[in-house]
Amino acid sequence: MPLLLWSALIAMVVVFGAAYGAFSFGIERFIHSRIKVLYRTVHDMKRSRTGSEGLDLHGDVLSKVNAEVSAWASERRTEIRELHEREQFRREFIGNLAHELKTPIFNIQGYILTLLEGGLEDQKVNRDFLGRASNGVDRLMKIVEDLDLITKLESGVMDLRIARMDLGELVTDTMENMEILAREKGVRLVNELAPGLMVSADRNRMGQVFTNLFNNAINYGKQGGRCTVRSYPLDDQVLVEVSDDGIGISEEHLPRLFERFYRVGKSRARNEGGSGLGLAIVKHIIDVHGGTIVVKSAEGEGTTFSFTVKRAG
């Protein structure tokens, strides 16, 4: 082959190689720049939500993009799961509220219809049914009042009047107010708090705590049973225990016990009365006092509610 042809061929190869190298370099630069744009976009989205540090465009940007996208996807999955849980809670809450309101409303409606259909002519019947209707209205009012109380506690608009108070004296007063109900159910209320146990709390709200816990113990206690209040020192706080020897609660229900309107099976049915909000109110009141509350129980062995309250100096 003539030398000239060889030279031309070699020159073409060199030119083609250079062009290909330039083209490849251009493609690589383009892809790299797009990856950086993607990285910057994902990082800016994440930083706007979490306040993370500035991005680093040096080194292996593709690996950094992969890490950022994986973290972003994980956060979205968590948010989606939380939204599903909130939606489920909302549906359950609305369903439970509707059921709680429907029961007394249907009862009241039945009593009134009976009276309108001739019951008014019988003095004994009309007084009995009017009394039952009045009880149904009282239950509706209790539900509305408790819902209003929880809303205020959750929103922080509840004006707590924290003051130095004798916890034992409050427990004694609350037990005296509930003595008739406890006697009817055959449950004995026992105050074992030490005299002069001073705490810092809102007396009225703390009274609601004990009223609801005693109601729970009385409604689900056993004939001849007892509910006892004890306390234990805990640094600058006091640990208070309200224990009963009633029917108890199975372990599977304990995590949800403080939810609004949550009921534990047929043994704790709606026919026991109440608004279904008592334990939810108890937890909210303890929370706004800066304390904590837990429950331990076993079926057939009773239940113990333990909460903390700040000791007064």
Protein backbone atom coordinates (compact mmCIF):
# COMPACT_ATOMS: atom_id res chain seq x y z
CA MET A 1 0.00 0.00 0.00
CA PRO A 2 1.45 3.41 -0.88
CA LEU A 3 2.88 5.40 1.96
CA LEU A 4 0.50 8.24 1.25
CA LEU A 5 -2.53 5.99 1.73
CA TRP A 6 -1.16 4.67 5.01
CA SER A 7 -0.61 8.18 6.23
CA ALA A 8 -4.16 9.17 5.29
CA LEU A 9 -5.60 6.13 7.05
CA ILE A 10 -3.60 6.80 10.20
CA ALA A 11 -4.67 10.43 10.14
CA MET A 12 -8.34 9.42 9.85
CA VAL A 13 -7.99 7.03 12.80
CA VAL A 14 -6.38 9.72 14.91
CA VAL A 15 -9.00 12.29 13.98
CA PHE A 16 -11.84 9.83 14.61
CA GLY A 17 -10.33 8.83 17.95
CA ALA A 18 -9.96 12.44 18.99
CA ALA A 19 -13.53 13.19 17.91
CA TYR A 20 -14.84 10.17 19.75
CA GLY A 21 -12.85 11.12 22.85
CA ALA A 22 -14.16 14.66 22.69
CA PHE A 23 -17.70 13.36 22.17
CA SER A 24 -17.38 10.90 25.07
CA PHE A 25 -15.94 13.62 27.28
CA GLY A 26 -18.82 15.91 26.32
CA ILE A 27 -21.40 13.21 27.08
CA GLU A 28 -19.73 12.50 30.44
CA ARG A 29 -19.67 16.21 31.30
CA PHE A 30 -23.33 16.51 30.34
CA ILE A 31 -24.41 13.48 32.39
CA HIS A 32 -22.28 14.59 35.34
CA SER A 33 -23.81 18.06 35.24
CA ARG A 34 -27.35 16.55 35.13
CA ILE A 35 -26.51 14.34 38.10
CA LYS A 36 -25.28 17.41 40.00
CA VAL A 37 -28.54 19.21 39.21
CA LEU A 38 -30.48 16.18 40.49
CA TYR A 39 -28.33 16.01 43.58
CA ARG A 40 -28.77 19.72 44.26
CA THR A 41 -32.56 19.47 43.79
CA VAL A 42 -32.97 16.47 46.11
CA HIS A 43 -30.62 17.97 48.69
CA ASP A 44 -32.41 21.34 48.64
CA MET A 45 -35.77 19.57 49.16
CA LYS A 46 -34.36 17.66 52.10
CA ARG A 47 -32.63 20.72 53.58
CA SER A 48 -35.82 22.77 53.37
CA ARG A 49 -37.50 20.19 55.60
CA THR A 50 -34.71 19.14 57.91
CA GLY A 51 -32.23 22.03 57.89
CA SER A 52 -29.36 19.78 56.85
CA GLU A 53 -25.89 21.05 55.93
CA GLY A 54 -24.86 22.35 52.48
CA LEU A 55 -24.22 19.90 49.66
CA ASP A 56 -20.77 18.69 48.52
CA LEU A 57 -20.38 18.42 44.71
CA HIS A 58 -16.93 16.87 44.89
CA GLY A 59 -16.09 13.17 44.75
CA ASP A 60 -18.54 10.46 43.80
CA VAL A 61 -21.65 12.54 43.21
CA LEU A 62 -23.67 9.58 41.91
CA SER A 63 -23.26 7.71 45.21
CA LYS A 64 -24.27 10.84 47.10
CA VAL A 65 -27.37 11.19 44.92
CA ASN A 66 -28.25 7.57 45.63
CA ALA A 67 -27.85 8.13 49.39
CA GLU A 68 -29.93 11.32 49.33
CA VAL A 69 -32.71 9.74 47.27
CA SER A 70 -32.78 6.67 49.53
CA ALA A 71 -33.02 8.86 52.64
CA TRP A 72 -35.70 11.02 51.01
CA ALA A 73 -37.73 7.94 50.02
CA SER A 74 -37.46 6.55 53.55
CA GLU A 75 -38.75 9.83 55.00
CA ARG A 76 -41.67 9.84 52.58
CA ARG A 77 -42.57 6.28 53.51
CA THR A 78 -42.55 7.25 57.18
CA GLU A 79 -44.76 10.26 56.50
CA ILE A 80 -47.18 8.19 54.44
CA ARG A 81 -47.39 5.59 57.22
CA GLU A 82 -48.07 8.33 59.79
CA LEU A 83 -50.78 9.81 57.57
CA HIS A 84 -52.42 6.40 57.26
CA GLU A 85 -52.29 5.96 61.04
CA ARG A 86 -53.83 9.41 61.59
CA GLU A 87 -56.56 8.68 59.08
CA GLN A 88 -57.31 5.37 60.77
CA PHE A 89 -57.43 7.10 64.18
CA ARG A 90 -59.75 9.77 62.74
CA ARG A 91 -62.12 7.16 61.34
CA GLU A 92 -62.15 5.21 64.61
CA PHE A 93 -62.69 8.39 66.63
CA ILE A 94 -65.63 9.55 64.49
CA GLY A 95 -67.15 6.06 64.54
CA ASN A 96 -66.79 5.77 68.31
CA LEU A 97 -68.16 9.27 68.87
CA ALA A 98 -71.16 8.52 66.68
CA HIS A 99 -71.81 5.31 68.63
CA GLU A 100 -71.48 7.04 72.00
CA LEU A 101 -73.92 9.77 70.95
CA LYS A 102 -76.31 7.42 69.18
CA THR A 103 -76.95 5.20 72.22
CA PRO A 104 -78.44 7.87 74.54
CA ILE A 105 -80.18 9.63 71.63
CA PHE A 106 -82.00 6.44 70.60
CA ASN A 107 -82.96 5.79 74.22
CA ILE A 108 -84.35 9.31 74.65
CA GLN A 109 -86.21 9.00 71.35
CA GLY A 110 -87.79 5.71 72.46
CA TYR A 111 -88.91 7.15 75.80
CA ILE A 112 -90.48 10.21 74.16
CA LEU A 113 -92.29 8.12 71.52
CA THR A 114 -93.70 5.91 74.25
CA LEU A 115 -95.01 8.97 76.07
CA LEU A 116 -96.50 10.44 72.89
CA GLU A 117 -98.22 7.16 72.06
CA GLY A 118 -100.17 7.13 75.31
CA GLY A 119 -97.69 6.89 78.11
CA LEU A 120 -98.50 10.43 79.24
CA GLU A 121 -101.91 9.27 80.37
CA ASP A 122 -100.32 6.96 82.94
CA GLN A 123 -98.73 9.04 85.67
CA LYS A 124 -96.47 6.24 86.82
CA VAL A 125 -95.23 5.55 83.30
CA ASN A 126 -94.69 9.18 82.31
CA ARG A 127 -92.66 10.00 85.41
CA ASP A 128 -90.52 6.89 84.93
CA PHE A 129 -89.87 7.53 81.25
CA LEU A 130 -89.26 11.25 81.76
CA GLY A 131 -86.69 10.32 84.37
CA ARG A 132 -84.98 7.93 81.97
CA ALA A 133 -84.98 10.55 79.21
CA SER A 134 -83.46 13.03 81.65
CA ASN A 135 -80.67 10.54 82.42
CA GLY A 136 -80.02 10.20 78.70
CA VAL A 137 -79.73 13.97 78.35
CA ASP A 138 -77.32 14.03 81.29
CA ARG A 139 -75.15 11.44 79.56
CA LEU A 140 -75.12 13.47 76.34
CA MET A 141 -74.12 16.56 78.29
CA LYS A 142 -71.34 14.59 80.00
CA ILE A 143 -69.93 13.51 76.62
CA VAL A 144 -70.03 17.08 75.27
CA GLU A 145 -68.46 18.53 78.43
CA ASP A 146 -65.67 15.93 78.42
CA LEU A 147 -64.97 16.53 74.73
CA ASP A 148 -64.76 20.26 75.41
CA LEU A 149 -62.39 19.63 78.32
CA ILE A 150 -60.07 17.42 76.24
CA THR A 151 -60.03 20.02 73.44
CA LYS A 152 -58.97 22.72 75.89
CA LEU A 153 -56.31 20.50 77.44
CA GLU A 154 -54.88 19.56 74.03
CA SER A 155 -54.87 23.13 72.72
CA GLY A 156 -53.21 24.53 75.84
CA VAL A 157 -55.96 27.08 76.55
CA MET A 158 -56.85 25.45 79.86
CA ASP A 159 -55.85 27.83 82.65
CA LEU A 160 -54.32 25.63 85.36
CA ARG A 161 -54.25 27.05 88.88
CA ILE A 162 -51.17 25.36 90.28
CA ALA A 163 -50.89 25.75 94.03
CA ARG A 164 -49.59 23.95 97.10
CA MET A 165 -52.21 21.43 98.19
CA ASP A 166 -52.71 18.45 100.51
CA LEU A 167 -53.08 15.40 98.25
CA GLY A 168 -54.37 13.14 101.04
CA GLU A 169 -57.10 15.61 101.90
CA LEU A 170 -58.18 15.78 98.25
CA VAL A 171 -58.35 11.98 98.01
CA THR A 172 -60.45 11.78 101.18
CA ASP A 173 -62.89 14.42 99.88
CA THR A 174 -63.19 12.63 96.52
CA MET A 175 -63.82 9.27 98.20
CA GLU A 176 -66.55 10.78 100.38
CA ASN A 177 -68.28 12.18 97.28
CA MET A 178 -68.25 8.72 95.69
CA GLU A 179 -69.14 6.72 98.81
CA ILE A 180 -72.75 6.03 97.80
CA LEU A 181 -71.80 4.73 94.33
CA ALA A 182 -69.01 2.60 95.78
CA ARG A 183 -71.36 1.12 98.39
CA GLU A 184 -73.94 0.25 95.71
CA LYS A 185 -71.26 -1.62 93.74
CA GLY A 186 -69.83 -3.29 96.86
CA VAL A 187 -66.38 -1.71 96.45
CA ARG A 188 -64.47 -0.19 99.37
CA LEU A 189 -62.31 2.91 98.75
CA VAL A 190 -59.17 3.05 100.92
CA ASN A 191 -56.87 6.06 101.34
CA GLU A 192 -53.37 5.05 102.47
CA LEU A 193 -51.66 8.35 101.67
CA ALA A 194 -49.53 9.80 104.43
CA PRO A 195 -51.08 12.80 106.21
CA GLY A 196 -49.79 16.18 105.05
CA LEU A 197 -48.54 14.97 101.64
CA MET A 198 -48.12 18.32 99.87
CA VAL A 199 -47.91 18.60 96.08
CA SER A 200 -48.03 21.37 93.48
CA ALA A 201 -51.13 20.90 91.33
CA ASP A 202 -54.48 22.29 90.25
CA ARG A 203 -56.84 20.95 92.91
CA ASN A 204 -59.94 20.82 90.69
CA ARG A 205 -58.15 19.05 87.83
CA MET A 206 -56.42 16.61 90.14
CA GLY A 207 -59.83 15.92 91.68
CA GLN A 208 -61.02 14.93 88.19
CA VAL A 209 -58.12 12.50 87.93
CA PHE A 210 -59.09 10.67 91.11
CA THR A 211 -62.82 10.82 90.30
CA ASN A 212 -62.27 9.13 86.94
CA LEU A 213 -59.87 6.52 88.34
CA PHE A 214 -62.24 5.70 91.22
CA ASN A 215 -65.14 5.45 88.75
CA ASN A 216 -63.11 3.00 86.71
CA ALA A 217 -62.31 0.92 89.79
CA ILE A 218 -65.93 0.94 91.00
CA ASN A 219 -67.49 0.09 87.62
CA TYR A 220 -65.12 -2.79 86.96
CA GLY A 221 -64.50 -3.93 90.50
CA LYS A 222 -65.93 -7.01 92.13
CA GLN A 223 -68.41 -7.37 94.96
CA GLY A 224 -66.50 -7.04 98.20
CA GLY A 225 -63.44 -5.68 96.42
CA ARG A 226 -61.40 -2.60 97.21
CA CYS A 227 -59.61 0.30 95.55
CA THR A 228 -56.53 1.62 97.34
CA VAL A 229 -54.51 4.81 96.90
CA ARG A 230 -50.83 4.76 97.91
CA SER A 231 -47.85 7.04 97.34
CA TYR A 232 -44.07 6.72 97.18
CA PRO A 233 -41.40 9.47 97.25
CA LEU A 234 -39.56 9.93 93.96
CA ASP A 235 -36.90 12.68 94.07
CA ASP A 236 -38.78 15.97 93.63
CA GLN A 237 -41.97 14.14 92.68
CA VAL A 238 -44.49 11.79 94.24
CA LEU A 239 -45.52 8.51 92.64
CA VAL A 240 -49.22 7.88 93.24
CA GLU A 241 -50.80 4.45 92.72
CA VAL A 242 -54.52 3.76 92.41
CA SER A 243 -55.02 -0.03 92.56
CA ASP A 244 -58.09 -2.24 92.42
CA ASP A 245 -58.67 -6.00 92.58
CA GLY A 246 -61.34 -6.06 89.89
CA ILE A 247 -61.70 -7.88 86.58
CA GLY A 248 -58.45 -6.53 85.14
CA ILE A 249 -57.45 -5.87 81.54
CA SER A 250 -55.63 -8.14 79.10
CA GLU A 251 -52.19 -7.00 77.99
CA GLU A 252 -53.18 -6.43 74.35
CA HIS A 253 -55.49 -3.56 75.33
CA LEU A 254 -53.10 -1.64 77.60
CA PRO A 255 -51.31 0.43 74.90
CA ARG A 256 -54.65 1.93 73.76
CA LEU A 257 -56.32 2.32 77.13
CA PHE A 258 -55.94 6.12 77.23
CA GLU A 259 -57.42 6.67 73.76
CA ARG A 260 -60.71 8.53 73.54
CA PHE A 261 -63.73 6.20 73.51
CA TYR A 262 -61.57 3.08 73.54
CA ARG A 263 -63.48 0.20 75.12
CA VAL A 264 -62.07 -3.11 76.30
CA GLY A 265 -64.41 -5.81 75.04
CA LYS A 266 -67.83 -6.77 76.33
CA SER A 267 -66.73 -6.81 79.96
CA ARG A 268 -66.22 -3.07 79.74
CA ALA A 269 -69.31 -2.34 77.69
CA ARG A 270 -71.10 0.95 77.15
CA ASN A 271 -73.93 -0.07 79.44
CA GLU A 272 -71.63 0.73 82.36
CA GLY A 273 -72.33 4.39 81.55
CA GLY A 274 -69.87 7.26 81.44
CA SER A 275 -68.67 9.21 78.42
CA GLY A 276 -65.86 6.86 77.41
CA LEU A 277 -63.43 9.76 77.85
CA GLY A 278 -62.48 9.39 81.51
CA LEU A 279 -59.05 7.81 81.10
CA ALA A 280 -58.19 10.08 78.16
CA ILE A 281 -58.95 13.07 80.40
CA VAL A 282 -56.82 11.59 83.19
CA LYS A 283 -53.82 11.29 80.88
CA HIS A 284 -54.21 14.81 79.50
CA ILE A 285 -54.44 16.32 82.98
CA ILE A 286 -51.33 14.46 84.17
CA ASP A 287 -49.51 15.51 80.98
CA VAL A 288 -50.27 19.22 81.41
CA HIS A 289 -49.00 18.95 85.00
CA GLY A 290 -45.68 17.68 83.61
CA GLY A 291 -46.17 14.17 84.97
CA THR A 292 -46.45 10.72 83.44
CA ILE A 293 -49.00 7.95 83.87
CA VAL A 294 -48.77 4.21 83.20
CA VAL A 295 -51.05 1.24 83.75
CA LYS A 296 -50.37 -2.38 84.57
CA SER A 297 -53.02 -5.04 84.75
CA ALA A 298 -53.83 -8.71 84.35
CA GLU A 299 -57.20 -10.29 83.71
CA GLY A 300 -58.84 -11.43 86.93
CA GLU A 301 -56.16 -9.82 89.11
CA GLY A 302 -56.99 -6.12 89.03
CA THR A 303 -55.48 -2.92 87.65
CA THR A 304 -53.01 -0.34 88.91
CA PHE A 305 -52.69 3.20 87.53
CA SER A 306 -49.43 4.94 88.52
CA PHE A 307 -48.78 8.63 87.90
CA THR A 308 -46.34 11.28 89.06
CA VAL A 309 -47.05 14.72 90.45
CA LYS A 310 -44.60 17.38 91.59
CA ARG A 311 -43.86 17.52 95.29
CA ALA A 312 -44.42 20.91 96.93
CA GLY A 313 -41.53 22.50 98.76
